[in-house]
């Protein structure tokens, strides 16, 4: 196994662990049992070891337990749908499997009847949609629906590159990654609902808010790929991520790509801070609350990525520090 030196990525926002993180994780795991994602004690232990049930708590530290767990349930669905449908289809070249799934997801999001052979992921999505529409405004629920559709398009683009054993350019992948992190119109929107700071569309659509969200998406994508990239390189299965893309685009080594990505993260973080400060100076309370939601997401994703078992980083981070 190749050894990499991981730096401590720049993340200037304060760490805010959820006061009931264990309760949030337990609620997510209970939901996974009820949804059929867990069928044995070994399954549950693997989920606890991965830390996936804690991400909602890290990302929405001011939500109540039910709200953070609701966000966590969406995140579980997104992770497992990618792991169990998108990636296998891309690696096997059977893109029609993913195409059918994406089309049925679109129907489920609009409340259409599920096919008889829907499968677990579609049934869970229909349940999550119903839960969302009970809690969020219709406007925000529709925004989230459109965000999932955007995710499916970006995942399809990424899957095509994987199936063809090719790499997108850095510019192309940056565009894809803004959507595949599912932040802008999905996770950040749900996070604002469960933390009681839902931003009306007329404010959310302002250009400076859209740019701030895009910056947050890029930072979260950089962080995810920085910490998950070494694991994916170890698998050597043609996975597309910023590390692999930088290696191909810049003709550099994996370690050099990690170093470049850390620099990219720092540059975008500084841009985010400057724009966030400018937006806060305008003094709109609802907008300021939403900026805080974005900062919590960035920091929560950073903290979770470093402590979760999914990326197996304990030894690498200990040696770096």
C-alpha atoms as a PDB file:
ATOM      1  CA  UNK A   1       0.000   0.000   0.000  1.00  0.00           C
ATOM      2  CA  UNK A   2       1.346   3.431  -0.961  1.00  0.00           C
ATOM      3  CA  UNK A   3       1.843   5.844   1.933  1.00  0.00           C
ATOM      4  CA  UNK A   4       0.682   9.444   1.616  1.00  0.00           C
ATOM      5  CA  UNK A   5       1.360  12.524   3.714  1.00  0.00           C
ATOM      6  CA  UNK A   6      -1.914  14.242   4.561  1.00  0.00           C
ATOM      7  CA  UNK A   7      -1.884  17.854   5.654  1.00  0.00           C
ATOM      8  CA  UNK A   8      -4.409  19.459   7.968  1.00  0.00           C
ATOM      9  CA  UNK A   9      -6.682  21.186   5.468  1.00  0.00           C
ATOM     10  CA  UNK A  10      -7.535  24.794   6.161  1.00  0.00           C
ATOM     11  CA  UNK A  11     -10.941  25.025   7.840  1.00  0.00           C
ATOM     12  CA  UNK A  12     -11.287  28.215   9.917  1.00  0.00           C
ATOM     13  CA  UNK A  13     -14.871  27.670  11.048  1.00  0.00           C
ATOM     14  CA  UNK A  14     -15.458  26.555  14.657  1.00  0.00           C
ATOM     15  CA  UNK A  15     -16.091  22.901  15.379  1.00  0.00           C
ATOM     16  CA  UNK A  16     -19.625  22.390  16.726  1.00  0.00           C
ATOM     17  CA  UNK A  17     -20.343  18.774  17.697  1.00  0.00           C
ATOM     18  CA  UNK A  18     -24.018  17.984  18.161  1.00  0.00           C
ATOM     19  CA  UNK A  19     -24.826  17.759  21.897  1.00  0.00           C
ATOM     20  CA  UNK A  20     -26.763  14.519  21.302  1.00  0.00           C
ATOM     21  CA  UNK A  21     -24.588  12.950  18.617  1.00  0.00           C
ATOM     22  CA  UNK A  22     -25.014   9.435  19.988  1.00  0.00           C
ATOM     23  CA  UNK A  23     -28.805   9.811  20.017  1.00  0.00           C
ATOM     24  CA  UNK A  24     -28.738  11.026  16.403  1.00  0.00           C
ATOM     25  CA  UNK A  25     -26.628   8.057  15.325  1.00  0.00           C
ATOM     26  CA  UNK A  26     -28.944   5.650  17.155  1.00  0.00           C
ATOM     27  CA  UNK A  27     -31.996   7.219  15.461  1.00  0.00           C
ATOM     28  CA  UNK A  28     -30.395   6.838  12.032  1.00  0.00           C
ATOM     29  CA  UNK A  29     -29.473   3.226  12.733  1.00  0.00           C
ATOM     30  CA  UNK A  30     -33.015   2.478  13.975  1.00  0.00           C
ATOM     31  CA  UNK A  31     -34.319   3.927  10.695  1.00  0.00           C
ATOM     32  CA  UNK A  32     -31.877   1.776   8.715  1.00  0.00           C
ATOM     33  CA  UNK A  33     -33.229  -1.348  10.449  1.00  0.00           C
ATOM     34  CA  UNK A  34     -36.824  -0.355   9.687  1.00  0.00           C
ATOM     35  CA  UNK A  35     -35.948   0.487   6.066  1.00  0.00           C
ATOM     36  CA  UNK A  36     -34.246  -2.855   5.475  1.00  0.00           C
ATOM     37  CA  UNK A  37     -30.721  -1.512   5.074  1.00  0.00           C
ATOM     38  CA  UNK A  38     -29.609  -3.502   8.140  1.00  0.00           C
ATOM     39  CA  UNK A  39     -30.358  -7.203   8.528  1.00  0.00           C
ATOM     40  CA  UNK A  40     -27.785  -8.348  11.091  1.00  0.00           C
ATOM     41  CA  UNK A  41     -25.779  -7.217  14.091  1.00  0.00           C
ATOM     42  CA  UNK A  42     -22.681  -7.317  11.874  1.00  0.00           C
ATOM     43  CA  UNK A  43     -24.346  -4.857   9.496  1.00  0.00           C
ATOM     44  CA  UNK A  44     -25.068  -2.493  12.356  1.00  0.00           C
ATOM     45  CA  UNK A  45     -21.521  -2.712  13.670  1.00  0.00           C
ATOM     46  CA  UNK A  46     -20.125  -1.973  10.205  1.00  0.00           C
ATOM     47  CA  UNK A  47     -22.325   1.135   9.983  1.00  0.00           C
ATOM     48  CA  UNK A  48     -21.214   2.303  13.419  1.00  0.00           C
ATOM     49  CA  UNK A  49     -17.571   1.710  12.479  1.00  0.00           C
ATOM     50  CA  UNK A  50     -17.994   3.719   9.264  1.00  0.00           C
ATOM     51  CA  UNK A  51     -19.485   6.703  11.090  1.00  0.00           C
ATOM     52  CA  UNK A  52     -22.079   7.300   8.388  1.00  0.00           C
ATOM     53  CA  UNK A  53     -24.824   7.613  11.004  1.00  0.00           C
ATOM     54  CA  UNK A  54     -23.062  10.575  12.616  1.00  0.00           C
ATOM     55  CA  UNK A  55     -22.731  12.832   9.570  1.00  0.00           C
ATOM     56  CA  UNK A  56     -26.165  14.398  10.043  1.00  0.00           C
ATOM     57  CA  UNK A  57     -25.204  15.358  13.591  1.00  0.00           C
ATOM     58  CA  UNK A  58     -21.944  16.941  12.455  1.00  0.00           C
ATOM     59  CA  UNK A  59     -23.619  18.853   9.611  1.00  0.00           C
ATOM     60  CA  UNK A  60     -26.621  20.157  11.596  1.00  0.00           C
ATOM     61  CA  UNK A  61     -25.374  20.698  15.153  1.00  0.00           C
ATOM     62  CA  UNK A  62     -28.249  23.024  16.082  1.00  0.00           C
ATOM     63  CA  UNK A  63     -31.030  20.707  14.926  1.00  0.00           C
ATOM     64  CA  UNK A  64     -32.979  18.576  17.374  1.00  0.00           C
ATOM     65  CA  UNK A  65     -32.331  14.831  17.349  1.00  0.00           C
ATOM     66  CA  UNK A  66     -35.189  14.083  14.951  1.00  0.00           C
ATOM     67  CA  UNK A  67     -34.104  16.838  12.548  1.00  0.00           C
ATOM     68  CA  UNK A  68     -30.446  15.808  12.485  1.00  0.00           C
ATOM     69  CA  UNK A  69     -31.517  12.187  12.041  1.00  0.00           C
ATOM     70  CA  UNK A  70     -33.772  13.176   9.128  1.00  0.00           C
ATOM     71  CA  UNK A  71     -30.772  14.774   7.428  1.00  0.00           C
ATOM     72  CA  UNK A  72     -28.704  11.714   8.328  1.00  0.00           C
ATOM     73  CA  UNK A  73     -31.275   9.408   6.704  1.00  0.00           C
ATOM     74  CA  UNK A  74     -31.011  11.325   3.422  1.00  0.00           C
ATOM     75  CA  UNK A  75     -27.221  11.108   3.596  1.00  0.00           C
ATOM     76  CA  UNK A  76     -27.352   7.341   4.183  1.00  0.00           C
ATOM     77  CA  UNK A  77     -29.606   6.945   1.144  1.00  0.00           C
ATOM     78  CA  UNK A  78     -27.254   9.039  -0.986  1.00  0.00           C
ATOM     79  CA  UNK A  79     -24.147   7.111   0.099  1.00  0.00           C
ATOM     80  CA  UNK A  80     -25.705   3.659  -0.299  1.00  0.00           C
ATOM     81  CA  UNK A  81     -27.416   4.471  -3.591  1.00  0.00           C
ATOM     82  CA  UNK A  82     -24.018   5.529  -4.947  1.00  0.00           C
ATOM     83  CA  UNK A  83     -22.205   2.514  -3.467  1.00  0.00           C
ATOM     84  CA  UNK A  84     -24.744  -0.116  -4.486  1.00  0.00           C
ATOM     85  CA  UNK A  85     -26.177   1.154  -7.789  1.00  0.00           C
ATOM     86  CA  UNK A  86     -24.118   3.895  -9.431  1.00  0.00           C
ATOM     87  CA  UNK A  87     -20.589   2.585  -8.881  1.00  0.00           C
ATOM     88  CA  UNK A  88     -21.344  -1.073  -9.779  1.00  0.00           C
ATOM     89  CA  UNK A  89     -23.126   0.046 -12.961  1.00  0.00           C
ATOM     90  CA  UNK A  90     -20.203   2.275 -13.934  1.00  0.00           C
ATOM     91  CA  UNK A  91     -17.563  -0.385 -13.230  1.00  0.00           C
ATOM     92  CA  UNK A  92     -19.464  -3.109 -15.088  1.00  0.00           C
ATOM     93  CA  UNK A  93     -20.400  -0.869 -18.015  1.00  0.00           C
ATOM     94  CA  UNK A  94     -24.111  -1.587 -17.459  1.00  0.00           C
ATOM     95  CA  UNK A  95     -25.146   2.055 -17.503  1.00  0.00           C
ATOM     96  CA  UNK A  96     -28.719   1.148 -18.433  1.00  0.00           C
ATOM     97  CA  UNK A  97     -29.129  -0.169 -14.863  1.00  0.00           C
ATOM     98  CA  UNK A  98     -28.323   3.256 -13.508  1.00  0.00           C
ATOM     99  CA  UNK A  99     -30.411   4.940 -16.226  1.00  0.00           C
ATOM    100  CA  UNK A 100     -33.528   2.997 -15.193  1.00  0.00           C
ATOM    101  CA  UNK A 101     -32.851   3.775 -11.541  1.00  0.00           C
ATOM    102  CA  UNK A 102     -32.400   7.493 -12.204  1.00  0.00           C
ATOM    103  CA  UNK A 103     -35.646   7.684 -14.181  1.00  0.00           C
ATOM    104  CA  UNK A 104     -37.594   5.858 -11.475  1.00  0.00           C
ATOM    105  CA  UNK A 105     -36.048   8.160  -8.842  1.00  0.00           C
ATOM    106  CA  UNK A 106     -37.373  11.123 -10.783  1.00  0.00           C
ATOM    107  CA  UNK A 107     -40.874   9.607 -10.788  1.00  0.00           C
ATOM    108  CA  UNK A 108     -40.690   8.783  -7.079  1.00  0.00           C
ATOM    109  CA  UNK A 109     -39.667  12.350  -6.292  1.00  0.00           C
ATOM    110  CA  UNK A 110     -42.794  13.619  -8.052  1.00  0.00           C
ATOM    111  CA  UNK A 111     -44.977  11.195  -6.095  1.00  0.00           C
ATOM    112  CA  UNK A 112     -45.721   8.831  -8.993  1.00  0.00           C
ATOM    113  CA  UNK A 113     -46.479   5.159  -8.201  1.00  0.00           C
ATOM    114  CA  UNK A 114     -43.423   2.951  -7.894  1.00  0.00           C
ATOM    115  CA  UNK A 115     -42.904   0.015 -10.281  1.00  0.00           C
ATOM    116  CA  UNK A 116     -43.609  -3.452  -8.904  1.00  0.00           C
ATOM    117  CA  UNK A 117     -39.897  -4.262  -8.878  1.00  0.00           C
ATOM    118  CA  UNK A 118     -38.921  -0.901  -7.337  1.00  0.00           C
ATOM    119  CA  UNK A 119     -36.351  -2.279  -4.926  1.00  0.00           C
ATOM    120  CA  UNK A 120     -35.221  -0.967  -1.574  1.00  0.00           C
ATOM    121  CA  UNK A 121     -33.555   2.278  -2.669  1.00  0.00           C
ATOM    122  CA  UNK A 122     -36.619   3.552  -4.535  1.00  0.00           C
ATOM    123  CA  UNK A 123     -38.950   2.578  -1.695  1.00  0.00           C
ATOM    124  CA  UNK A 124     -36.744   4.404   0.788  1.00  0.00           C
ATOM    125  CA  UNK A 125     -36.615   7.468  -1.469  1.00  0.00           C
ATOM    126  CA  UNK A 126     -40.418   7.572  -1.616  1.00  0.00           C
ATOM    127  CA  UNK A 127     -40.522   7.434   2.195  1.00  0.00           C
ATOM    128  CA  UNK A 128     -37.921  10.201   2.524  1.00  0.00           C
ATOM    129  CA  UNK A 129     -39.881  12.363   0.100  1.00  0.00           C
ATOM    130  CA  UNK A 130     -43.082  11.951   2.102  1.00  0.00           C
ATOM    131  CA  UNK A 131     -41.228  12.830   5.302  1.00  0.00           C
ATOM    132  CA  UNK A 132     -39.694  15.887   3.673  1.00  0.00           C
ATOM    133  CA  UNK A 133     -42.992  17.243   2.361  1.00  0.00           C
ATOM    134  CA  UNK A 134     -44.469  16.977   5.864  1.00  0.00           C
ATOM    135  CA  UNK A 135     -41.731  19.180   7.307  1.00  0.00           C
ATOM    136  CA  UNK A 136     -40.507  21.558   4.585  1.00  0.00           C
ATOM    137  CA  UNK A 137     -42.389  24.209   2.640  1.00  0.00           C
ATOM    138  CA  UNK A 138     -43.603  23.163  -0.797  1.00  0.00           C
ATOM    139  CA  UNK A 139     -41.121  25.576  -2.349  1.00  0.00           C
ATOM    140  CA  UNK A 140     -38.151  24.019  -0.600  1.00  0.00           C
ATOM    141  CA  UNK A 141     -39.361  20.476  -1.219  1.00  0.00           C
ATOM    142  CA  UNK A 142     -39.559  21.213  -4.941  1.00  0.00           C
ATOM    143  CA  UNK A 143     -36.084  22.765  -4.813  1.00  0.00           C
ATOM    144  CA  UNK A 144     -34.737  19.579  -3.231  1.00  0.00           C
ATOM    145  CA  UNK A 145     -36.502  17.457  -5.846  1.00  0.00           C
ATOM    146  CA  UNK A 146     -34.803  19.440  -8.599  1.00  0.00           C
ATOM    147  CA  UNK A 147     -31.512  19.041  -6.754  1.00  0.00           C
ATOM    148  CA  UNK A 148     -31.799  15.239  -6.829  1.00  0.00           C
ATOM    149  CA  UNK A 149     -32.499  15.406 -10.563  1.00  0.00           C
ATOM    150  CA  UNK A 150     -29.354  17.534 -10.962  1.00  0.00           C
ATOM    151  CA  UNK A 151     -27.427  14.936  -8.951  1.00  0.00           C
ATOM    152  CA  UNK A 152     -28.559  12.134 -11.262  1.00  0.00           C
ATOM    153  CA  UNK A 153     -27.370  14.033 -14.336  1.00  0.00           C
ATOM    154  CA  UNK A 154     -23.943  14.651 -12.792  1.00  0.00           C
ATOM    155  CA  UNK A 155     -23.641  11.023 -11.629  1.00  0.00           C
ATOM    156  CA  UNK A 156     -24.434   9.905 -15.171  1.00  0.00           C
ATOM    157  CA  UNK A 157     -21.624  12.083 -16.547  1.00  0.00           C
ATOM    158  CA  UNK A 158     -19.180  10.660 -14.012  1.00  0.00           C
ATOM    159  CA  UNK A 159     -20.303   7.087 -14.693  1.00  0.00           C
ATOM    160  CA  UNK A 160     -19.706   7.517 -18.421  1.00  0.00           C
ATOM    161  CA  UNK A 161     -16.110   8.570 -17.778  1.00  0.00           C
ATOM    162  CA  UNK A 162     -15.600   5.543 -15.486  1.00  0.00           C
ATOM    163  CA  UNK A 163     -17.141   3.122 -17.960  1.00  0.00           C
ATOM    164  CA  UNK A 164     -14.880   4.457 -20.723  1.00  0.00           C
ATOM    165  CA  UNK A 165     -11.813   4.293 -18.441  1.00  0.00           C
ATOM    166  CA  UNK A 166     -11.145   7.965 -19.074  1.00  0.00           C
ATOM    167  CA  UNK A 167     -10.732  11.045 -16.912  1.00  0.00           C
ATOM    168  CA  UNK A 168     -12.518  14.376 -17.323  1.00  0.00           C
ATOM    169  CA  UNK A 169     -10.485  17.556 -17.401  1.00  0.00           C
ATOM    170  CA  UNK A 170     -10.125  19.435 -14.133  1.00  0.00           C
ATOM    171  CA  UNK A 171     -12.564  22.078 -15.352  1.00  0.00           C
ATOM    172  CA  UNK A 172     -15.156  19.480 -16.352  1.00  0.00           C
ATOM    173  CA  UNK A 173     -14.831  17.522 -13.131  1.00  0.00           C
ATOM    174  CA  UNK A 174     -15.131  20.657 -11.011  1.00  0.00           C
ATOM    175  CA  UNK A 175     -18.544  21.223 -12.623  1.00  0.00           C
ATOM    176  CA  UNK A 176     -19.569  17.592 -12.072  1.00  0.00           C
ATOM    177  CA  UNK A 177     -18.394  17.596  -8.449  1.00  0.00           C
ATOM    178  CA  UNK A 178     -20.437  20.651  -7.516  1.00  0.00           C
ATOM    179  CA  UNK A 179     -23.503  18.506  -8.166  1.00  0.00           C
ATOM    180  CA  UNK A 180     -22.346  15.075  -7.013  1.00  0.00           C
ATOM    181  CA  UNK A 181     -21.660  16.346  -3.483  1.00  0.00           C
ATOM    182  CA  UNK A 182     -25.473  16.954  -3.439  1.00  0.00           C
ATOM    183  CA  UNK A 183     -25.037  20.047  -1.348  1.00  0.00           C
ATOM    184  CA  UNK A 184     -26.635  23.063  -3.006  1.00  0.00           C
ATOM    185  CA  UNK A 185     -30.255  22.116  -3.523  1.00  0.00           C
ATOM    186  CA  UNK A 186     -30.388  19.004  -1.364  1.00  0.00           C
ATOM    187  CA  UNK A 187     -28.331  18.679   1.805  1.00  0.00           C
ATOM    188  CA  UNK A 188     -27.933  22.388   2.520  1.00  0.00           C
ATOM    189  CA  UNK A 189     -31.644  22.885   1.934  1.00  0.00           C
ATOM    190  CA  UNK A 190     -32.594  20.024   4.259  1.00  0.00           C
ATOM    191  CA  UNK A 191     -30.101  21.297   6.826  1.00  0.00           C
ATOM    192  CA  UNK A 192     -31.743  24.730   6.763  1.00  0.00           C
ATOM    193  CA  UNK A 193     -35.158  23.105   7.340  1.00  0.00           C
ATOM    194  CA  UNK A 194     -34.091  21.047  10.363  1.00  0.00           C
ATOM    195  CA  UNK A 195     -32.220  24.014  11.875  1.00  0.00           C
ATOM    196  CA  UNK A 196     -35.204  26.356  11.395  1.00  0.00           C
ATOM    197  CA  UNK A 197     -33.524  28.771   9.025  1.00  0.00           C
ATOM    198  CA  UNK A 198     -35.195  27.990   5.715  1.00  0.00           C
ATOM    199  CA  UNK A 199     -34.278  30.630   3.145  1.00  0.00           C
ATOM    200  CA  UNK A 200     -37.093  31.804   0.818  1.00  0.00           C
ATOM    201  CA  UNK A 201     -36.466  31.360  -2.884  1.00  0.00           C
ATOM    202  CA  UNK A 202     -36.360  35.099  -3.591  1.00  0.00           C
ATOM    203  CA  UNK A 203     -33.355  35.376  -1.260  1.00  0.00           C
ATOM    204  CA  UNK A 204     -31.782  32.013  -2.126  1.00  0.00           C
ATOM    205  CA  UNK A 205     -31.741  32.935  -5.831  1.00  0.00           C
ATOM    206  CA  UNK A 206     -29.632  36.060  -5.278  1.00  0.00           C
ATOM    207  CA  UNK A 207     -26.360  35.776  -7.244  1.00  0.00           C
ATOM    208  CA  UNK A 208     -24.120  36.251  -4.217  1.00  0.00           C
ATOM    209  CA  UNK A 209     -25.938  33.479  -2.306  1.00  0.00           C
ATOM    210  CA  UNK A 210     -25.651  31.153  -5.284  1.00  0.00           C
ATOM    211  CA  UNK A 211     -21.932  31.874  -5.560  1.00  0.00           C
ATOM    212  CA  UNK A 212     -21.430  31.301  -1.826  1.00  0.00           C
ATOM    213  CA  UNK A 213     -23.194  27.945  -2.093  1.00  0.00           C
ATOM    214  CA  UNK A 214     -21.044  26.964  -5.054  1.00  0.00           C
ATOM    215  CA  UNK A 215     -17.920  27.846  -3.076  1.00  0.00           C
ATOM    216  CA  UNK A 216     -19.169  25.735  -0.169  1.00  0.00           C
ATOM    217  CA  UNK A 217     -19.802  22.839  -2.563  1.00  0.00           C
ATOM    218  CA  UNK A 218     -16.303  23.061  -3.981  1.00  0.00           C
ATOM    219  CA  UNK A 219     -14.742  23.152  -0.507  1.00  0.00           C
ATOM    220  CA  UNK A 220     -16.800  20.143   0.605  1.00  0.00           C
ATOM    221  CA  UNK A 221     -15.878  18.289  -2.581  1.00  0.00           C
ATOM    222  CA  UNK A 222     -12.197  19.078  -2.082  1.00  0.00           C
ATOM    223  CA  UNK A 223     -12.350  17.878   1.529  1.00  0.00           C
ATOM    224  CA  UNK A 224     -14.172  14.672   0.667  1.00  0.00           C
ATOM    225  CA  UNK A 225     -11.820  13.767  -2.173  1.00  0.00           C
ATOM    226  CA  UNK A 226      -8.715  14.746  -0.204  1.00  0.00           C
ATOM    227  CA  UNK A 227      -9.543  12.299   2.580  1.00  0.00           C
ATOM    228  CA  UNK A 228     -11.259   9.591   0.502  1.00  0.00           C
ATOM    229  CA  UNK A 229      -8.875   9.791  -2.468  1.00  0.00           C
ATOM    230  CA  UNK A 230      -6.107   7.606  -0.995  1.00  0.00           C
ATOM    231  CA  UNK A 231      -8.636   4.848  -0.266  1.00  0.00           C
ATOM    232  CA  UNK A 232      -9.975   5.004  -3.822  1.00  0.00           C
ATOM    233  CA  UNK A 233      -6.456   4.995  -5.305  1.00  0.00           C
ATOM    234  CA  UNK A 234      -5.709   1.883  -3.247  1.00  0.00           C
ATOM    235  CA  UNK A 235      -8.699   0.135  -4.846  1.00  0.00           C
ATOM    236  CA  UNK A 236      -7.313   0.958  -8.319  1.00  0.00           C
ATOM    237  CA  UNK A 237     -10.760   0.617  -9.896  1.00  0.00           C
ATOM    238  CA  UNK A 238     -10.782   3.727 -12.073  1.00  0.00           C
ATOM    239  CA  UNK A 239     -12.757   5.847  -9.626  1.00  0.00           C
ATOM    240  CA  UNK A 240     -13.053   9.490 -10.631  1.00  0.00           C
ATOM    241  CA  UNK A 241     -12.071  11.991  -7.936  1.00  0.00           C
ATOM    242  CA  UNK A 242     -10.050  15.178  -7.674  1.00  0.00           C
ATOM    243  CA  UNK A 243      -6.828  13.285  -6.927  1.00  0.00           C
ATOM    244  CA  UNK A 244      -7.095  11.082 -10.012  1.00  0.00           C
ATOM    245  CA  UNK A 245      -8.218  14.011 -12.167  1.00  0.00           C
ATOM    246  CA  UNK A 246      -5.330  16.219 -11.031  1.00  0.00           C
ATOM    247  CA  UNK A 247      -2.837  13.404 -11.656  1.00  0.00           C
ATOM    248  CA  UNK A 248      -4.086  13.075 -15.235  1.00  0.00           C
ATOM    249  CA  UNK A 249      -4.687  16.761 -15.926  1.00  0.00           C
ATOM    250  CA  UNK A 250      -1.396  18.046 -14.463  1.00  0.00           C
ATOM    251  CA  UNK A 251       0.713  14.920 -15.125  1.00  0.00           C
ATOM    252  CA  UNK A 252       1.779  14.736 -11.475  1.00  0.00           C
ATOM    253  CA  UNK A 253       2.099  12.077  -8.766  1.00  0.00           C
ATOM    254  CA  UNK A 254      -0.627  11.226  -6.271  1.00  0.00           C
ATOM    255  CA  UNK A 255       1.223  13.019  -3.451  1.00  0.00           C
ATOM    256  CA  UNK A 256       1.669  16.107  -5.621  1.00  0.00           C
ATOM    257  CA  UNK A 257      -2.036  15.971  -6.467  1.00  0.00           C
ATOM    258  CA  UNK A 258      -2.907  15.889  -2.768  1.00  0.00           C
ATOM    259  CA  UNK A 259      -0.703  18.926  -2.187  1.00  0.00           C
ATOM    260  CA  UNK A 260      -2.310  20.815  -5.084  1.00  0.00           C
ATOM    261  CA  UNK A 261      -5.780  19.953  -3.807  1.00  0.00           C
ATOM    262  CA  UNK A 262      -4.885  21.309  -0.362  1.00  0.00           C
ATOM    263  CA  UNK A 263      -3.855  24.574  -2.020  1.00  0.00           C
ATOM    264  CA  UNK A 264      -7.083  24.690  -4.028  1.00  0.00           C
ATOM    265  CA  UNK A 265      -9.057  24.149  -0.828  1.00  0.00           C
ATOM    266  CA  UNK A 266      -7.264  27.015   0.922  1.00  0.00           C
ATOM    267  CA  UNK A 267      -7.876  29.393  -1.997  1.00  0.00           C
ATOM    268  CA  UNK A 268     -11.615  28.618  -2.173  1.00  0.00           C
ATOM    269  CA  UNK A 269     -11.924  28.845   1.617  1.00  0.00           C
ATOM    270  CA  UNK A 270     -10.474  32.360   1.546  1.00  0.00           C
ATOM    271  CA  UNK A 271     -12.907  33.334  -1.223  1.00  0.00           C
ATOM    272  CA  UNK A 272     -15.787  31.944   0.820  1.00  0.00           C
ATOM    273  CA  UNK A 273     -14.732  33.921   3.904  1.00  0.00           C
ATOM    274  CA  UNK A 274     -14.510  37.188   1.983  1.00  0.00           C
ATOM    275  CA  UNK A 275     -17.882  36.740   0.305  1.00  0.00           C
ATOM    276  CA  UNK A 276     -19.558  35.573   3.525  1.00  0.00           C
ATOM    277  CA  UNK A 277     -18.315  38.675   5.334  1.00  0.00           C
ATOM    278  CA  UNK A 278     -19.615  40.915   2.560  1.00  0.00           C
ATOM    279  CA  UNK A 279     -23.035  39.222   2.678  1.00  0.00           C
ATOM    280  CA  UNK A 280     -23.226  39.496   6.469  1.00  0.00           C
ATOM    281  CA  UNK A 281     -22.506  43.199   6.323  1.00  0.00           C
ATOM    282  CA  UNK A 282     -25.818  43.684   4.483  1.00  0.00           C
ATOM    283  CA  UNK A 283     -27.485  42.717   7.756  1.00  0.00           C
ATOM    284  CA  UNK A 284     -30.337  40.457   6.558  1.00  0.00           C
ATOM    285  CA  UNK A 285     -30.945  38.109   9.497  1.00  0.00           C
ATOM    286  CA  UNK A 286     -32.352  35.212   7.441  1.00  0.00           C
ATOM    287  CA  UNK A 287     -29.447  35.380   5.011  1.00  0.00           C
ATOM    288  CA  UNK A 288     -26.909  35.574   7.845  1.00  0.00           C
ATOM    289  CA  UNK A 289     -28.441  32.463   9.412  1.00  0.00           C
ATOM    290  CA  UNK A 290     -28.143  30.652   6.088  1.00  0.00           C
ATOM    291  CA  UNK A 291     -24.477  31.630   5.774  1.00  0.00           C
ATOM    292  CA  UNK A 292     -23.961  30.029   9.175  1.00  0.00           C
ATOM    293  CA  UNK A 293     -25.645  26.853   7.889  1.00  0.00           C
ATOM    294  CA  UNK A 294     -23.103  26.704   5.065  1.00  0.00           C
ATOM    295  CA  UNK A 295     -20.202  27.204   7.482  1.00  0.00           C
ATOM    296  CA  UNK A 296     -21.518  24.425   9.708  1.00  0.00           C
ATOM    297  CA  UNK A 297     -21.721  22.106   6.711  1.00  0.00           C
ATOM    298  CA  UNK A 298     -18.151  22.849   5.690  1.00  0.00           C
ATOM    299  CA  UNK A 299     -16.847  22.300   9.212  1.00  0.00           C
ATOM    300  CA  UNK A 300     -19.088  19.307   9.912  1.00  0.00           C
ATOM    301  CA  UNK A 301     -17.968  17.565   6.738  1.00  0.00           C
ATOM    302  CA  UNK A 302     -14.341  18.307   7.638  1.00  0.00           C
ATOM    303  CA  UNK A 303     -14.647  16.932  11.182  1.00  0.00           C
ATOM    304  CA  UNK A 304     -16.628  13.887  10.080  1.00  0.00           C
ATOM    305  CA  UNK A 305     -14.221  13.070   7.229  1.00  0.00           C
ATOM    306  CA  UNK A 306     -11.317  13.024   9.677  1.00  0.00           C
ATOM    307  CA  UNK A 307     -12.992  10.913  12.361  1.00  0.00           C
ATOM    308  CA  UNK A 308     -15.158   8.489  10.372  1.00  0.00           C
ATOM    309  CA  UNK A 309     -14.158   4.893   9.707  1.00  0.00           C
ATOM    310  CA  UNK A 310     -15.293   5.068   6.073  1.00  0.00           C
ATOM    311  CA  UNK A 311     -11.959   6.583   4.960  1.00  0.00           C
ATOM    312  CA  UNK A 312      -9.696   4.763   7.477  1.00  0.00           C
ATOM    313  CA  UNK A 313      -7.607   7.839   8.225  1.00  0.00           C
ATOM    314  CA  UNK A 314      -6.687   7.405  11.892  1.00  0.00           C
ATOM    315  CA  UNK A 315      -3.073   6.327  11.349  1.00  0.00           C
ATOM    316  CA  UNK A 316      -2.395   8.780   8.523  1.00  0.00           C
ATOM    317  CA  UNK A 317      -3.725  11.792  10.447  1.00  0.00           C
ATOM    318  CA  UNK A 318      -1.908  10.788  13.615  1.00  0.00           C
ATOM    319  CA  UNK A 319       1.405  10.656  11.746  1.00  0.00           C
ATOM    320  CA  UNK A 320       0.699  13.988  10.046  1.00  0.00           C
ATOM    321  CA  UNK A 321       0.047  15.711  13.355  1.00  0.00           C
END
